[in-house]
Amino acid sequence: MLTADLHLHSFYSQDSCNGIAWMIRRCRKVGLNCVACTDHNTTQGAFELMRKAPFRVIVGEEVDTGQGEIIGLFLSKEITPNLGIVKTVNEIKTQQGLVYIPHPTSSSRKSQLCVDELMRVQGLVDIVETFNPRTLRERPDRNWLESLLSSGRIIRGAGSDSHSPYELGNVLISMDDFASPEGFLNSLSTARFSCKRSPHWMRVLMNRKTRSILRRTLWKMPS
């Protein structure tokens, strides 16, 4: 049995203070043994974590398409940002990867998801994130999302979206082991989710300025 988190960030994301060794220790402490490392516009952190972690690591990337963010899972190489949603999704599929839509109704992100473009490739979407602890405000237009999920073809997912170590453990997904992306989807479809939001005081403490300070002081820590 695996305990997974499908959306997290390492130091290789410019807004994260999660060093690789730090992430490994935290994952082991909270019982995570399968994580998808989904750094912004790079797979470097995912490949480094895969080399060093004593648990399962899925190589992912949270790509800024210029029309909202799309995560690719089970990638073999980096995807260029700002290609638009349609081309980004096709690039993920070219790599035999899975298309994961993070924080689909968030209204507090710099890059808002363009729903019209997403609906052009809705048949290629594999997973939609239905819980993200860092989403503070939701867009009111949720009918399109409910329509996607009601089709029964798209799997529900969740991720801590961790940018600092304390956030690892906010999402714990209990799922069966798998041997392929297809097996991963089958396992996720019957998974059990344990999700919680970070306490408000912790969000205030670990703000962007604090993470920036930690990046400068911890970046050279051995990993």
C-alpha atoms as a PDB file:
ATOM      1  CA  MET A   1       0.000   0.000   0.000  1.00  0.00           C
ATOM      2  CA  LEU A   2       1.257   3.456  -0.901  1.00  0.00           C
ATOM      3  CA  THR A   3       0.688   6.789   0.836  1.00  0.00           C
ATOM      4  CA  ALA A   4       0.962   9.482  -1.804  1.00  0.00           C
ATOM      5  CA  ASP A   5       0.999  13.244  -2.406  1.00  0.00           C
ATOM      6  CA  LEU A   6       0.506  14.202  -6.060  1.00  0.00           C
ATOM      7  CA  HIS A   7       1.561  17.871  -6.072  1.00  0.00           C
ATOM      8  CA  LEU A   8       4.605  19.305  -4.308  1.00  0.00           C
ATOM      9  CA  HIS A   9       7.554  21.596  -4.974  1.00  0.00           C
ATOM     10  CA  SER A  10      11.282  21.475  -4.294  1.00  0.00           C
ATOM     11  CA  PHE A  11      13.938  24.228  -4.212  1.00  0.00           C
ATOM     12  CA  TYR A  12      13.902  24.112  -8.011  1.00  0.00           C
ATOM     13  CA  SER A  13      10.646  26.059  -7.910  1.00  0.00           C
ATOM     14  CA  GLN A  14      11.587  29.681  -7.338  1.00  0.00           C
ATOM     15  CA  ASP A  15       8.882  30.145  -4.689  1.00  0.00           C
ATOM     16  CA  SER A  16       9.673  27.012  -2.661  1.00  0.00           C
ATOM     17  CA  CYS A  17      12.098  26.492   0.230  1.00  0.00           C
ATOM     18  CA  ASN A  18      11.938  22.686   0.185  1.00  0.00           C
ATOM     19  CA  GLY A  19      15.493  21.339  -0.013  1.00  0.00           C
ATOM     20  CA  ILE A  20      15.764  17.775  -1.297  1.00  0.00           C
ATOM     21  CA  ALA A  21      17.190  16.276   1.923  1.00  0.00           C
ATOM     22  CA  TRP A  22      14.666  18.257   3.950  1.00  0.00           C
ATOM     23  CA  MET A  23      11.807  16.915   1.829  1.00  0.00           C
ATOM     24  CA  ILE A  24      12.982  13.334   2.226  1.00  0.00           C
ATOM     25  CA  ARG A  25      13.124  13.637   6.016  1.00  0.00           C
ATOM     26  CA  ARG A  26       9.676  15.222   6.189  1.00  0.00           C
ATOM     27  CA  CYS A  27       8.114  12.640   3.860  1.00  0.00           C
ATOM     28  CA  ARG A  28       9.465   9.812   5.988  1.00  0.00           C
ATOM     29  CA  LYS A  29       8.230  11.506   9.160  1.00  0.00           C
ATOM     30  CA  VAL A  30       4.640  11.856   7.921  1.00  0.00           C
ATOM     31  CA  GLY A  31       4.560   8.450   6.200  1.00  0.00           C
ATOM     32  CA  LEU A  32       4.661   9.486   2.533  1.00  0.00           C
ATOM     33  CA  ASN A  33       6.222   6.805   0.335  1.00  0.00           C
ATOM     34  CA  CYS A  34       5.051   8.006  -3.073  1.00  0.00           C
ATOM     35  CA  VAL A  35       5.222  11.624  -4.224  1.00  0.00           C
ATOM     36  CA  ALA A  36       4.874  13.517  -7.479  1.00  0.00           C
ATOM     37  CA  CYS A  37       7.449  16.310  -7.581  1.00  0.00           C
ATOM     38  CA  THR A  38       5.866  18.984  -9.766  1.00  0.00           C
ATOM     39  CA  ASP A  39       8.154  21.997  -9.836  1.00  0.00           C
ATOM     40  CA  HIS A  40       7.262  25.104 -11.818  1.00  0.00           C
ATOM     41  CA  ASN A  41       8.506  24.792 -15.406  1.00  0.00           C
ATOM     42  CA  THR A  42      11.278  22.311 -14.616  1.00  0.00           C
ATOM     43  CA  THR A  43      11.811  18.603 -13.933  1.00  0.00           C
ATOM     44  CA  GLN A  44      15.251  19.028 -12.331  1.00  0.00           C
ATOM     45  CA  GLY A  45      13.991  18.697  -8.774  1.00  0.00           C
ATOM     46  CA  ALA A  46      11.909  15.638  -9.625  1.00  0.00           C
ATOM     47  CA  PHE A  47      14.858  13.806 -11.162  1.00  0.00           C
ATOM     48  CA  GLU A  48      17.132  14.714  -8.243  1.00  0.00           C
ATOM     49  CA  LEU A  49      14.539  13.601  -5.719  1.00  0.00           C
ATOM     50  CA  MET A  50      14.052  10.361  -7.662  1.00  0.00           C
ATOM     51  CA  ARG A  51      17.793   9.644  -7.472  1.00  0.00           C
ATOM     52  CA  LYS A  52      18.050  10.307  -3.728  1.00  0.00           C
ATOM     53  CA  ALA A  53      14.728   9.366  -2.134  1.00  0.00           C
ATOM     54  CA  PRO A  54      14.220   5.897  -0.616  1.00  0.00           C
ATOM     55  CA  PHE A  55      10.610   5.921  -1.844  1.00  0.00           C
ATOM     56  CA  ARG A  56       8.635   6.184  -5.085  1.00  0.00           C
ATOM     57  CA  VAL A  57       8.958   9.492  -6.964  1.00  0.00           C
ATOM     58  CA  ILE A  58       6.847  10.402  -9.977  1.00  0.00           C
ATOM     59  CA  VAL A  59       8.508  12.910 -12.287  1.00  0.00           C
ATOM     60  CA  GLY A  60       6.153  15.796 -12.878  1.00  0.00           C
ATOM     61  CA  GLU A  61       6.136  19.435 -13.901  1.00  0.00           C
ATOM     62  CA  GLU A  62       3.671  22.234 -13.217  1.00  0.00           C
ATOM     63  CA  VAL A  63       3.779  24.088 -16.516  1.00  0.00           C
ATOM     64  CA  ASP A  64       2.715  27.701 -16.865  1.00  0.00           C
ATOM     65  CA  THR A  65       1.012  27.455 -20.233  1.00  0.00           C
ATOM     66  CA  GLY A  66       0.300  31.187 -20.425  1.00  0.00           C
ATOM     67  CA  GLN A  67      -3.376  30.206 -20.084  1.00  0.00           C
ATOM     68  CA  GLY A  68      -3.175  28.648 -16.646  1.00  0.00           C
ATOM     69  CA  GLU A  69      -1.103  25.902 -15.056  1.00  0.00           C
ATOM     70  CA  ILE A  70      -1.186  22.257 -16.158  1.00  0.00           C
ATOM     71  CA  ILE A  71       0.683  19.413 -14.453  1.00  0.00           C
ATOM     72  CA  GLY A  72       2.211  16.590 -16.408  1.00  0.00           C
ATOM     73  CA  LEU A  73       2.930  13.347 -14.523  1.00  0.00           C
ATOM     74  CA  PHE A  74       5.231  10.480 -15.571  1.00  0.00           C
ATOM     75  CA  LEU A  75       7.311  12.773 -17.751  1.00  0.00           C
ATOM     76  CA  SER A  76      10.624  11.844 -19.357  1.00  0.00           C
ATOM     77  CA  LYS A  77      11.722  15.397 -20.166  1.00  0.00           C
ATOM     78  CA  GLU A  78      10.928  19.018 -19.435  1.00  0.00           C
ATOM     79  CA  ILE A  79       8.088  20.833 -21.196  1.00  0.00           C
ATOM     80  CA  THR A  80       8.588  24.417 -22.334  1.00  0.00           C
ATOM     81  CA  PRO A  81       6.280  26.985 -20.678  1.00  0.00           C
ATOM     82  CA  ASN A  82       3.933  29.410 -22.459  1.00  0.00           C
ATOM     83  CA  LEU A  83       2.861  27.014 -25.197  1.00  0.00           C
ATOM     84  CA  GLY A  84      -0.853  27.387 -24.424  1.00  0.00           C
ATOM     85  CA  ILE A  85      -3.078  24.736 -22.875  1.00  0.00           C
ATOM     86  CA  VAL A  86      -3.765  22.707 -26.019  1.00  0.00           C
ATOM     87  CA  LYS A  87      -0.123  22.321 -27.067  1.00  0.00           C
ATOM     88  CA  THR A  88       1.029  21.658 -23.488  1.00  0.00           C
ATOM     89  CA  VAL A  89      -1.516  18.871 -23.045  1.00  0.00           C
ATOM     90  CA  ASN A  90      -0.451  17.348 -26.355  1.00  0.00           C
ATOM     91  CA  GLU A  91       3.208  17.538 -25.305  1.00  0.00           C
ATOM     92  CA  ILE A  92       2.379  15.614 -22.116  1.00  0.00           C
ATOM     93  CA  LYS A  93       0.559  12.951 -24.103  1.00  0.00           C
ATOM     94  CA  THR A  94       3.467  12.687 -26.554  1.00  0.00           C
ATOM     95  CA  GLN A  95       5.563  11.581 -23.579  1.00  0.00           C
ATOM     96  CA  GLN A  96       2.892   9.031 -22.595  1.00  0.00           C
ATOM     97  CA  GLY A  97       2.293  11.122 -19.486  1.00  0.00           C
ATOM     98  CA  LEU A  98      -0.856  11.932 -17.542  1.00  0.00           C
ATOM     99  CA  VAL A  99      -2.605  15.314 -17.615  1.00  0.00           C
ATOM    100  CA  TYR A 100      -3.412  16.652 -14.143  1.00  0.00           C
ATOM    101  CA  ILE A 101      -5.353  19.890 -13.649  1.00  0.00           C
ATOM    102  CA  PRO A 102      -4.216  21.591 -10.388  1.00  0.00           C
ATOM    103  CA  HIS A 103      -6.369  23.994  -8.326  1.00  0.00           C
ATOM    104  CA  PRO A 104      -8.889  24.297 -11.183  1.00  0.00           C
ATOM    105  CA  THR A 105     -11.196  26.879  -9.603  1.00  0.00           C
ATOM    106  CA  SER A 106      -8.674  28.952  -7.674  1.00  0.00           C
ATOM    107  CA  SER A 107      -9.111  32.698  -8.037  1.00  0.00           C
ATOM    108  CA  SER A 108      -5.983  33.706  -6.121  1.00  0.00           C
ATOM    109  CA  ARG A 109      -3.301  32.550  -8.566  1.00  0.00           C
ATOM    110  CA  LYS A 110      -1.357  34.828 -10.882  1.00  0.00           C
ATOM    111  CA  SER A 111      -2.119  32.571 -13.836  1.00  0.00           C
ATOM    112  CA  GLN A 112      -5.859  31.901 -14.121  1.00  0.00           C
ATOM    113  CA  LEU A 113      -6.995  28.753 -15.913  1.00  0.00           C
ATOM    114  CA  CYS A 114      -8.585  29.465 -19.304  1.00  0.00           C
ATOM    115  CA  VAL A 115     -11.575  27.131 -19.177  1.00  0.00           C
ATOM    116  CA  ASP A 116     -12.504  27.559 -22.852  1.00  0.00           C
ATOM    117  CA  GLU A 117      -9.067  26.334 -23.958  1.00  0.00           C
ATOM    118  CA  LEU A 118      -9.120  23.473 -21.468  1.00  0.00           C
ATOM    119  CA  MET A 119     -12.473  22.280 -22.760  1.00  0.00           C
ATOM    120  CA  ARG A 120     -10.944  21.927 -26.228  1.00  0.00           C
ATOM    121  CA  VAL A 121      -8.813  19.059 -24.896  1.00  0.00           C
ATOM    122  CA  GLN A 122     -11.077  17.787 -22.130  1.00  0.00           C
ATOM    123  CA  GLY A 123     -10.932  14.272 -23.563  1.00  0.00           C
ATOM    124  CA  LEU A 124      -7.191  14.176 -22.806  1.00  0.00           C
ATOM    125  CA  VAL A 125      -7.510  15.192 -19.146  1.00  0.00           C
ATOM    126  CA  ASP A 126      -6.808  12.315 -16.741  1.00  0.00           C
ATOM    127  CA  ILE A 127      -6.940  13.830 -13.242  1.00  0.00           C
ATOM    128  CA  VAL A 128      -8.486  16.920 -11.663  1.00  0.00           C
ATOM    129  CA  GLU A 129      -7.289  18.187  -8.296  1.00  0.00           C
ATOM    130  CA  THR A 130     -10.371  18.417  -6.088  1.00  0.00           C
ATOM    131  CA  PHE A 131      -8.483  19.438  -2.931  1.00  0.00           C
ATOM    132  CA  ASN A 132      -5.552  21.836  -2.575  1.00  0.00           C
ATOM    133  CA  PRO A 133      -4.760  23.120   0.953  1.00  0.00           C
ATOM    134  CA  ARG A 134      -3.254  26.341  -0.399  1.00  0.00           C
ATOM    135  CA  THR A 135      -6.323  27.471  -2.337  1.00  0.00           C
ATOM    136  CA  LEU A 136      -7.818  30.376  -0.424  1.00  0.00           C
ATOM    137  CA  ARG A 137     -10.453  31.698  -2.828  1.00  0.00           C
ATOM    138  CA  GLU A 138     -12.584  29.786  -5.337  1.00  0.00           C
ATOM    139  CA  ARG A 139     -14.037  31.056  -8.590  1.00  0.00           C
ATOM    140  CA  PRO A 140     -17.851  30.931  -8.667  1.00  0.00           C
ATOM    141  CA  ASP A 141     -18.006  29.316 -12.134  1.00  0.00           C
ATOM    142  CA  ARG A 142     -17.840  25.624 -11.176  1.00  0.00           C
ATOM    143  CA  ASN A 143     -20.418  24.156 -13.564  1.00  0.00           C
ATOM    144  CA  TRP A 144     -17.772  23.193 -16.106  1.00  0.00           C
ATOM    145  CA  LEU A 145     -15.815  21.337 -13.423  1.00  0.00           C
ATOM    146  CA  GLU A 146     -18.845  19.446 -12.150  1.00  0.00           C
ATOM    147  CA  SER A 147     -19.626  18.493 -15.754  1.00  0.00           C
ATOM    148  CA  LEU A 148     -16.118  17.105 -16.246  1.00  0.00           C
ATOM    149  CA  LEU A 149     -16.191  15.106 -13.025  1.00  0.00           C
ATOM    150  CA  SER A 150     -19.696  13.764 -13.627  1.00  0.00           C
ATOM    151  CA  SER A 151     -18.520  12.120 -16.848  1.00  0.00           C
ATOM    152  CA  GLY A 152     -16.955   9.380 -14.720  1.00  0.00           C
ATOM    153  CA  ARG A 153     -13.848   9.235 -16.915  1.00  0.00           C
ATOM    154  CA  ILE A 154     -11.691  11.767 -15.063  1.00  0.00           C
ATOM    155  CA  ILE A 155     -10.137  10.712 -11.762  1.00  0.00           C
ATOM    156  CA  ARG A 156     -10.187  12.913  -8.665  1.00  0.00           C
ATOM    157  CA  GLY A 157      -6.798  13.815  -7.225  1.00  0.00           C
ATOM    158  CA  ALA A 158      -5.300  15.914  -4.446  1.00  0.00           C
ATOM    159  CA  GLY A 159      -1.958  17.381  -3.482  1.00  0.00           C
ATOM    160  CA  SER A 160      -0.453  19.445  -0.703  1.00  0.00           C
ATOM    161  CA  ASP A 161       1.072  21.898  -3.218  1.00  0.00           C
ATOM    162  CA  SER A 162       3.833  22.097  -0.623  1.00  0.00           C
ATOM    163  CA  HIS A 163       6.238  25.014  -0.928  1.00  0.00           C
ATOM    164  CA  SER A 164       7.609  24.526   2.596  1.00  0.00           C
ATOM    165  CA  PRO A 165       8.208  21.341   4.586  1.00  0.00           C
ATOM    166  CA  TYR A 166       5.420  21.765   7.123  1.00  0.00           C
ATOM    167  CA  GLU A 167       2.892  21.421   4.280  1.00  0.00           C
ATOM    168  CA  LEU A 168       4.031  17.899   3.449  1.00  0.00           C
ATOM    169  CA  GLY A 169       1.513  15.670   5.206  1.00  0.00           C
ATOM    170  CA  ASN A 170      -1.510  17.875   4.555  1.00  0.00           C
ATOM    171  CA  VAL A 171      -2.593  15.405   1.870  1.00  0.00           C
ATOM    172  CA  LEU A 172      -2.207  11.653   2.350  1.00  0.00           C
ATOM    173  CA  ILE A 173      -3.620   9.396  -0.364  1.00  0.00           C
ATOM    174  CA  SER A 174      -3.838   5.685   0.455  1.00  0.00           C
ATOM    175  CA  MET A 175      -3.663   3.750  -2.798  1.00  0.00           C
ATOM    176  CA  ASP A 176      -2.565   0.401  -4.157  1.00  0.00           C
ATOM    177  CA  ASP A 177       0.841   0.005  -5.765  1.00  0.00           C
ATOM    178  CA  PHE A 178       1.094   0.359  -9.540  1.00  0.00           C
ATOM    179  CA  ALA A 179       3.483  -0.504 -12.354  1.00  0.00           C
ATOM    180  CA  SER A 180       2.454   1.960 -15.075  1.00  0.00           C
ATOM    181  CA  PRO A 181       0.607   5.251 -15.592  1.00  0.00           C
ATOM    182  CA  GLU A 182      -2.515   3.269 -16.442  1.00  0.00           C
ATOM    183  CA  GLY A 183      -2.132   1.236 -13.270  1.00  0.00           C
ATOM    184  CA  PHE A 184      -1.656   4.480 -11.348  1.00  0.00           C
ATOM    185  CA  LEU A 185      -5.013   5.774 -12.625  1.00  0.00           C
ATOM    186  CA  ASN A 186      -6.751   2.531 -11.689  1.00  0.00           C
ATOM    187  CA  SER A 187      -5.266   2.671  -8.210  1.00  0.00           C
ATOM    188  CA  LEU A 188      -6.113   6.354  -7.737  1.00  0.00           C
ATOM    189  CA  SER A 189      -9.724   5.731  -8.745  1.00  0.00           C
ATOM    190  CA  THR A 190     -10.253   3.630  -5.601  1.00  0.00           C
ATOM    191  CA  ALA A 191      -7.911   5.577  -3.276  1.00  0.00           C
ATOM    192  CA  ARG A 192      -8.779   6.979   0.141  1.00  0.00           C
ATOM    193  CA  PHE A 193      -7.959  10.610   0.893  1.00  0.00           C
ATOM    194  CA  SER A 194      -6.962  12.283   4.146  1.00  0.00           C
ATOM    195  CA  CYS A 195      -6.738  16.055   3.623  1.00  0.00           C
ATOM    196  CA  LYS A 196      -6.370  19.086   5.845  1.00  0.00           C
ATOM    197  CA  ARG A 197      -5.611  22.771   5.485  1.00  0.00           C
ATOM    198  CA  SER A 198      -2.648  24.405   7.162  1.00  0.00           C
ATOM    199  CA  PRO A 199      -3.446  26.478  10.252  1.00  0.00           C
ATOM    200  CA  HIS A 200      -3.727  30.172   9.503  1.00  0.00           C
ATOM    201  CA  TRP A 201      -0.859  31.103  11.826  1.00  0.00           C
ATOM    202  CA  MET A 202       1.462  28.773   9.928  1.00  0.00           C
ATOM    203  CA  ARG A 203       0.480  30.300   6.585  1.00  0.00           C
ATOM    204  CA  VAL A 204       1.285  33.747   8.004  1.00  0.00           C
ATOM    205  CA  LEU A 205       4.646  32.544   9.344  1.00  0.00           C
ATOM    206  CA  MET A 206       5.692  30.724   6.158  1.00  0.00           C
ATOM    207  CA  ASN A 207       4.879  33.530   3.756  1.00  0.00           C
ATOM    208  CA  ARG A 208       6.729  34.390   0.543  1.00  0.00           C
ATOM    209  CA  LYS A 209       9.285  36.567   2.384  1.00  0.00           C
ATOM    210  CA  THR A 210      10.086  33.817   4.894  1.00  0.00           C
ATOM    211  CA  ARG A 211      10.472  31.251   2.125  1.00  0.00           C
ATOM    212  CA  SER A 212      12.824  33.626   0.299  1.00  0.00           C
ATOM    213  CA  ILE A 213      15.008  33.949   3.412  1.00  0.00           C
ATOM    214  CA  LEU A 214      15.068  30.180   3.860  1.00  0.00           C
ATOM    215  CA  ARG A 215      16.037  29.711   0.212  1.00  0.00           C
ATOM    216  CA  ARG A 216      19.027  32.025   0.647  1.00  0.00           C
ATOM    217  CA  THR A 217      20.177  30.399   3.890  1.00  0.00           C
ATOM    218  CA  LEU A 218      19.446  26.749   3.092  1.00  0.00           C
ATOM    219  CA  TRP A 219      20.089  26.465  -0.645  1.00  0.00           C
ATOM    220  CA  LYS A 220      23.649  25.272  -0.096  1.00  0.00           C
ATOM    221  CA  MET A 221      22.690  22.681   2.484  1.00  0.00           C
ATOM    222  CA  PRO A 222      23.984  19.236   1.428  1.00  0.00           C
ATOM    223  CA  SER A 223      21.232  17.090   0.006  1.00  0.00           C
END
